[in-house]
Amino acid sequence: MKFVQLESRGGNYLVVASNVAWLRVGENGQTLVGMVGSQPLLVTGTPESVAAKLAAT
């Protein structure tokens, strides 16, 4: 199980990379990260930069 740290304006998240289902452009230059069995997370960065972090694991 690989954890990835994703930064947010309200705090940071540690997510399991294999539980990410989708990425979508959010508001104010942020990205929505869809998690399997959970609500989406709003994190900083573009979908491309978040995808790069997830792929690096």
PDB file of N, CA and C in Angstrom:
ATOM      1  N   MET A   1       0.851  -1.164   0.000  1.00  0.00           N
ATOM      2  CA  MET A   1       0.000   0.000   0.000  1.00  0.00           C
ATOM      3  C   MET A   1       0.903   1.235   0.000  1.00  0.00           C
ATOM      4  N   LYS A   2       0.773   2.084  -1.006  1.00  0.00           N
ATOM      5  CA  LYS A   2       1.608   3.279  -1.133  1.00  0.00           C
ATOM      6  C   LYS A   2       0.793   4.521  -0.786  1.00  0.00           C
ATOM      7  N   PHE A   3       1.271   5.283   0.177  1.00  0.00           N
ATOM      8  CA  PHE A   3       0.638   6.541   0.552  1.00  0.00           C
ATOM      9  C   PHE A   3       1.296   7.691  -0.199  1.00  0.00           C
ATOM     10  N   VAL A   4       0.475   8.659  -0.601  1.00  0.00           N
ATOM     11  CA  VAL A   4       0.954   9.855  -1.285  1.00  0.00           C
ATOM     12  C   VAL A   4       0.415  11.051  -0.523  1.00  0.00           C
ATOM     13  N   GLN A   5       1.278  12.039  -0.260  1.00  0.00           N
ATOM     14  CA  GLN A   5       0.819  13.254   0.411  1.00  0.00           C
ATOM     15  C   GLN A   5       0.319  14.245  -0.635  1.00  0.00           C
ATOM     16  N   LEU A   6      -0.927  14.679  -0.466  1.00  0.00           N
ATOM     17  CA  LEU A   6      -1.520  15.696  -1.326  1.00  0.00           C
ATOM     18  C   LEU A   6      -1.824  16.910  -0.467  1.00  0.00           C
ATOM     19  N   GLU A   7      -1.362  18.070  -0.914  1.00  0.00           N
ATOM     20  CA  GLU A   7      -1.532  19.294  -0.149  1.00  0.00           C
ATOM     21  C   GLU A   7      -2.894  19.916  -0.439  1.00  0.00           C
ATOM     22  N   SER A   8      -3.462  20.536   0.580  1.00  0.00           N
ATOM     23  CA  SER A   8      -4.735  21.233   0.487  1.00  0.00           C
ATOM     24  C   SER A   8      -4.588  22.558   1.203  1.00  0.00           C
ATOM     25  N   ARG A   9      -5.445  23.494   0.884  1.00  0.00           N
ATOM     26  CA  ARG A   9      -5.398  24.787   1.578  1.00  0.00           C
ATOM     27  C   ARG A   9      -5.825  24.676   3.026  1.00  0.00           C
ATOM     28  N   GLY A  10      -6.579  23.638   3.365  1.00  0.00           N
ATOM     29  CA  GLY A  10      -7.032  23.448   4.742  1.00  0.00           C
ATOM     30  C   GLY A  10      -6.192  22.465   5.520  1.00  0.00           C
ATOM     31  N   GLY A  11      -5.200  21.857   4.910  1.00  0.00           N
ATOM     32  CA  GLY A  11      -4.369  20.837   5.547  1.00  0.00           C
ATOM     33  C   GLY A  11      -3.932  19.828   4.509  1.00  0.00           C
ATOM     34  N   ASN A  12      -3.122  18.886   4.899  1.00  0.00           N
ATOM     35  CA  ASN A  12      -2.610  17.894   3.961  1.00  0.00           C
ATOM     36  C   ASN A  12      -3.309  16.562   4.154  1.00  0.00           C
ATOM     37  N   TYR A  13      -3.373  15.779   3.072  1.00  0.00           N
ATOM     38  CA  TYR A  13      -3.966  14.451   3.099  1.00  0.00           C
ATOM     39  C   TYR A  13      -2.897  13.421   2.767  1.00  0.00           C
ATOM     40  N   LEU A  14      -2.978  12.269   3.395  1.00  0.00           N
ATOM     41  CA  LEU A  14      -2.217  11.094   2.975  1.00  0.00           C
ATOM     42  C   LEU A  14      -3.240  10.140   2.378  1.00  0.00           C
ATOM     43  N   VAL A  15      -3.116   9.861   1.093  1.00  0.00           N
ATOM     44  CA  VAL A  15      -4.082   8.990   0.426  1.00  0.00           C
ATOM     45  C   VAL A  15      -3.367   7.758  -0.112  1.00  0.00           C
ATOM     46  N   VAL A  16      -4.104   6.674  -0.219  1.00  0.00           N
ATOM     47  CA  VAL A  16      -3.580   5.459  -0.843  1.00  0.00           C
ATOM     48  C   VAL A  16      -3.741   5.646  -2.346  1.00  0.00           C
ATOM     49  N   ALA A  17      -2.641   5.619  -3.067  1.00  0.00           N
ATOM     50  CA  ALA A  17      -2.643   5.926  -4.497  1.00  0.00           C
ATOM     51  C   ALA A  17      -3.600   5.021  -5.275  1.00  0.00           C
ATOM     52  N   SER A  18      -3.711   3.778  -4.915  1.00  0.00           N
ATOM     53  CA  SER A  18      -4.573   2.850  -5.655  1.00  0.00           C
ATOM     54  C   SER A  18      -6.059   3.101  -5.408  1.00  0.00           C
ATOM     55  N   ASN A  19      -6.409   3.939  -4.426  1.00  0.00           N
ATOM     56  CA  ASN A  19      -7.814   4.257  -4.153  1.00  0.00           C
ATOM     57  C   ASN A  19      -8.297   5.485  -4.904  1.00  0.00           C
ATOM     58  N   VAL A  20      -7.447   6.129  -5.679  1.00  0.00           N
ATOM     59  CA  VAL A  20      -7.861   7.300  -6.450  1.00  0.00           C
ATOM     60  C   VAL A  20      -8.555   6.808  -7.717  1.00  0.00           C
ATOM     61  N   ALA A  21      -9.805   7.266  -7.914  1.00  0.00           N
ATOM     62  CA  ALA A  21     -10.601   6.818  -9.057  1.00  0.00           C
ATOM     63  C   ALA A  21     -10.555   7.814 -10.210  1.00  0.00           C
ATOM     64  N   TRP A  22     -10.522   9.131  -9.909  1.00  0.00           N
ATOM     65  CA  TRP A  22     -10.544  10.139 -10.965  1.00  0.00           C
ATOM     66  C   TRP A  22      -9.998  11.468 -10.454  1.00  0.00           C
ATOM     67  N   LEU A  23      -9.621  12.328 -11.395  1.00  0.00           N
ATOM     68  CA  LEU A  23      -9.177  13.699 -11.114  1.00  0.00           C
ATOM     69  C   LEU A  23     -10.005  14.633 -11.975  1.00  0.00           C
ATOM     70  N   ARG A  24     -10.373  15.777 -11.421  1.00  0.00           N
ATOM     71  CA  ARG A  24     -11.162  16.753 -12.171  1.00  0.00           C
ATOM     72  C   ARG A  24     -10.756  18.158 -11.738  1.00  0.00           C
ATOM     73  N   VAL A  25     -10.795  19.095 -12.672  1.00  0.00           N
ATOM     74  CA  VAL A  25     -10.486  20.495 -12.356  1.00  0.00           C
ATOM     75  C   VAL A  25     -11.502  20.992 -11.336  1.00  0.00           C
ATOM     76  N   GLY A  26     -10.999  21.583 -10.259  1.00  0.00           N
ATOM     77  CA  GLY A  26     -11.847  22.143  -9.223  1.00  0.00           C
ATOM     78  C   GLY A  26     -11.888  23.658  -9.335  1.00  0.00           C
ATOM     79  N   GLU A  27     -12.242  24.305  -8.259  1.00  0.00           N
ATOM     80  CA  GLU A  27     -12.341  25.764  -8.248  1.00  0.00           C
ATOM     81  C   GLU A  27     -11.016  26.404  -7.849  1.00  0.00           C
ATOM     82  N   ASN A  28     -10.787  27.613  -8.330  1.00  0.00           N
ATOM     83  CA  ASN A  28      -9.615  28.414  -7.965  1.00  0.00           C
ATOM     84  C   ASN A  28      -8.278  27.698  -8.192  1.00  0.00           C
ATOM     85  N   GLY A  29      -8.153  27.007  -9.316  1.00  0.00           N
ATOM     86  CA  GLY A  29      -6.892  26.343  -9.639  1.00  0.00           C
ATOM     87  C   GLY A  29      -6.593  25.105  -8.827  1.00  0.00           C
ATOM     88  N   GLN A  30      -7.602  24.539  -8.215  1.00  0.00           N
ATOM     89  CA  GLN A  30      -7.420  23.333  -7.421  1.00  0.00           C
ATOM     90  C   GLN A  30      -7.942  22.119  -8.189  1.00  0.00           C
ATOM     91  N   THR A  31      -7.749  20.939  -7.621  1.00  0.00           N
ATOM     92  CA  THR A  31      -8.156  19.690  -8.262  1.00  0.00           C
ATOM     93  C   THR A  31      -9.028  18.886  -7.312  1.00  0.00           C
ATOM     94  N   LEU A  32     -10.102  18.310  -7.848  1.00  0.00           N
ATOM     95  CA  LEU A  32     -10.923  17.366  -7.104  1.00  0.00           C
ATOM     96  C   LEU A  32     -10.369  15.969  -7.347  1.00  0.00           C
ATOM     97  N   VAL A  33     -10.139  15.244  -6.265  1.00  0.00           N
ATOM     98  CA  VAL A  33      -9.606  13.885  -6.333  1.00  0.00           C
ATOM     99  C   VAL A  33     -10.708  12.942  -5.873  1.00  0.00           C
ATOM    100  N   GLY A  34     -11.218  12.131  -6.796  1.00  0.00           N
ATOM    101  CA  GLY A  34     -12.255  11.158  -6.457  1.00  0.00           C
ATOM    102  C   GLY A  34     -11.640   9.920  -5.835  1.00  0.00           C
ATOM    103  N   MET A  35     -12.152   9.578  -4.664  1.00  0.00           N
ATOM    104  CA  MET A  35     -11.645   8.419  -3.937  1.00  0.00           C
ATOM    105  C   MET A  35     -12.688   7.304  -3.962  1.00  0.00           C
ATOM    106  N   VAL A  36     -12.246   6.064  -4.085  1.00  0.00           N
ATOM    107  CA  VAL A  36     -13.147   4.916  -4.064  1.00  0.00           C
ATOM    108  C   VAL A  36     -13.836   4.861  -2.709  1.00  0.00           C
ATOM    109  N   GLY A  37     -15.169   4.870  -2.709  1.00  0.00           N
ATOM    110  CA  GLY A  37     -15.944   4.734  -1.481  1.00  0.00           C
ATOM    111  C   GLY A  37     -15.928   5.942  -0.577  1.00  0.00           C
ATOM    112  N   SER A  38     -15.619   7.133  -1.106  1.00  0.00           N
ATOM    113  CA  SER A  38     -15.531   8.321  -0.266  1.00  0.00           C
ATOM    114  C   SER A  38     -15.903   9.571  -1.050  1.00  0.00           C
ATOM    115  N   GLN A  39     -15.999  10.669  -0.347  1.00  0.00           N
ATOM    116  CA  GLN A  39     -16.246  11.967  -0.968  1.00  0.00           C
ATOM    117  C   GLN A  39     -14.968  12.450  -1.650  1.00  0.00           C
ATOM    118  N   PRO A  40     -15.093  13.265  -2.708  1.00  0.00           N
ATOM    119  CA  PRO A  40     -13.889  13.813  -3.346  1.00  0.00           C
ATOM    120  C   PRO A  40     -13.135  14.763  -2.420  1.00  0.00           C
ATOM    121  N   LEU A  41     -11.826  14.818  -2.595  1.00  0.00           N
ATOM    122  CA  LEU A  41     -10.974  15.734  -1.850  1.00  0.00           C
ATOM    123  C   LEU A  41     -10.608  16.908  -2.747  1.00  0.00           C
ATOM    124  N   LEU A  42     -10.562  18.106  -2.200  1.00  0.00           N
ATOM    125  CA  LEU A  42     -10.136  19.290  -2.938  1.00  0.00           C
ATOM    126  C   LEU A  42      -8.694  19.582  -2.536  1.00  0.00           C
ATOM    127  N   VAL A  43      -7.770  19.448  -3.498  1.00  0.00           N
ATOM    128  CA  VAL A  43      -6.351  19.630  -3.214  1.00  0.00           C
ATOM    129  C   VAL A  43      -5.772  20.703  -4.126  1.00  0.00           C
ATOM    130  N   THR A  44      -4.620  21.237  -3.741  1.00  0.00           N
ATOM    131  CA  THR A  44      -3.972  22.269  -4.546  1.00  0.00           C
ATOM    132  C   THR A  44      -3.259  21.646  -5.732  1.00  0.00           C
ATOM    133  N   GLY A  45      -3.119  22.436  -6.797  1.00  0.00           N
ATOM    134  CA  GLY A  45      -2.418  21.986  -7.991  1.00  0.00           C
ATOM    135  C   GLY A  45      -3.356  21.601  -9.115  1.00  0.00           C
ATOM    136  N   THR A  46      -2.782  21.427 -10.280  1.00  0.00           N
ATOM    137  CA  THR A  46      -3.540  21.034 -11.461  1.00  0.00           C
ATOM    138  C   THR A  46      -3.729  19.518 -11.467  1.00  0.00           C
ATOM    139  N   PRO A  47      -4.693  19.033 -12.242  1.00  0.00           N
ATOM    140  CA  PRO A  47      -4.830  17.570 -12.353  1.00  0.00           C
ATOM    141  C   PRO A  47      -3.548  16.902 -12.842  1.00  0.00           C
ATOM    142  N   GLU A  48      -2.812  17.582 -13.713  1.00  0.00           N
ATOM    143  CA  GLU A  48      -1.563  17.012 -14.220  1.00  0.00           C
ATOM    144  C   GLU A  48      -0.516  16.872 -13.124  1.00  0.00           C
ATOM    145  N   SER A  49      -0.401  17.887 -12.254  1.00  0.00           N
ATOM    146  CA  SER A  49       0.596  17.815 -11.182  1.00  0.00           C
ATOM    147  C   SER A  49       0.204  16.772 -10.133  1.00  0.00           C
ATOM    148  N   VAL A  50      -1.090  16.640  -9.849  1.00  0.00           N
ATOM    149  CA  VAL A  50      -1.547  15.612  -8.910  1.00  0.00           C
ATOM    150  C   VAL A  50      -1.317  14.225  -9.505  1.00  0.00           C
ATOM    151  N   ALA A  51      -1.603  14.073 -10.803  1.00  0.00           N
ATOM    152  CA  ALA A  51      -1.376  12.783 -11.466  1.00  0.00           C
ATOM    153  C   ALA A  51       0.103  12.410 -11.434  1.00  0.00           C
ATOM    154  N   ALA A  52       0.973  13.383 -11.586  1.00  0.00           N
ATOM    155  CA  ALA A  52       2.406  13.115 -11.536  1.00  0.00           C
ATOM    156  C   ALA A  52       2.827  12.615 -10.153  1.00  0.00           C
ATOM    157  N   LYS A  53       2.268  13.195  -9.099  1.00  0.00           N
ATOM    158  CA  LYS A  53       2.569  12.725  -7.742  1.00  0.00           C
ATOM    159  C   LYS A  53       2.096  11.301  -7.542  1.00  0.00           C
ATOM    160  N   LEU A  54       0.893  10.998  -8.044  1.00  0.00           N
ATOM    161  CA  LEU A  54       0.349   9.653  -7.887  1.00  0.00           C
ATOM    162  C   LEU A  54       1.142   8.628  -8.697  1.00  0.00           C
ATOM    163  N   ALA A  55       1.590   9.007  -9.875  1.00  0.00           N
ATOM    164  CA  ALA A  55       2.327   8.092 -10.737  1.00  0.00           C
ATOM    165  C   ALA A  55       3.741   7.832 -10.227  1.00  0.00           C
ATOM    166  N   ALA A  56       4.278   8.738  -9.416  1.00  0.00           N
ATOM    167  CA  ALA A  56       5.640   8.606  -8.916  1.00  0.00           C
ATOM    168  C   ALA A  56       5.769   7.533  -7.843  1.00  0.00           C
ATOM    169  N   THR A  57       4.651   6.986  -7.367  1.00  0.00           N
ATOM    170  CA  THR A  57       4.721   5.984  -6.309  1.00  0.00           C
ATOM    171  C   THR A  57       5.003   4.614  -6.834  1.00  0.00           C
TER     172      THR A  57
END
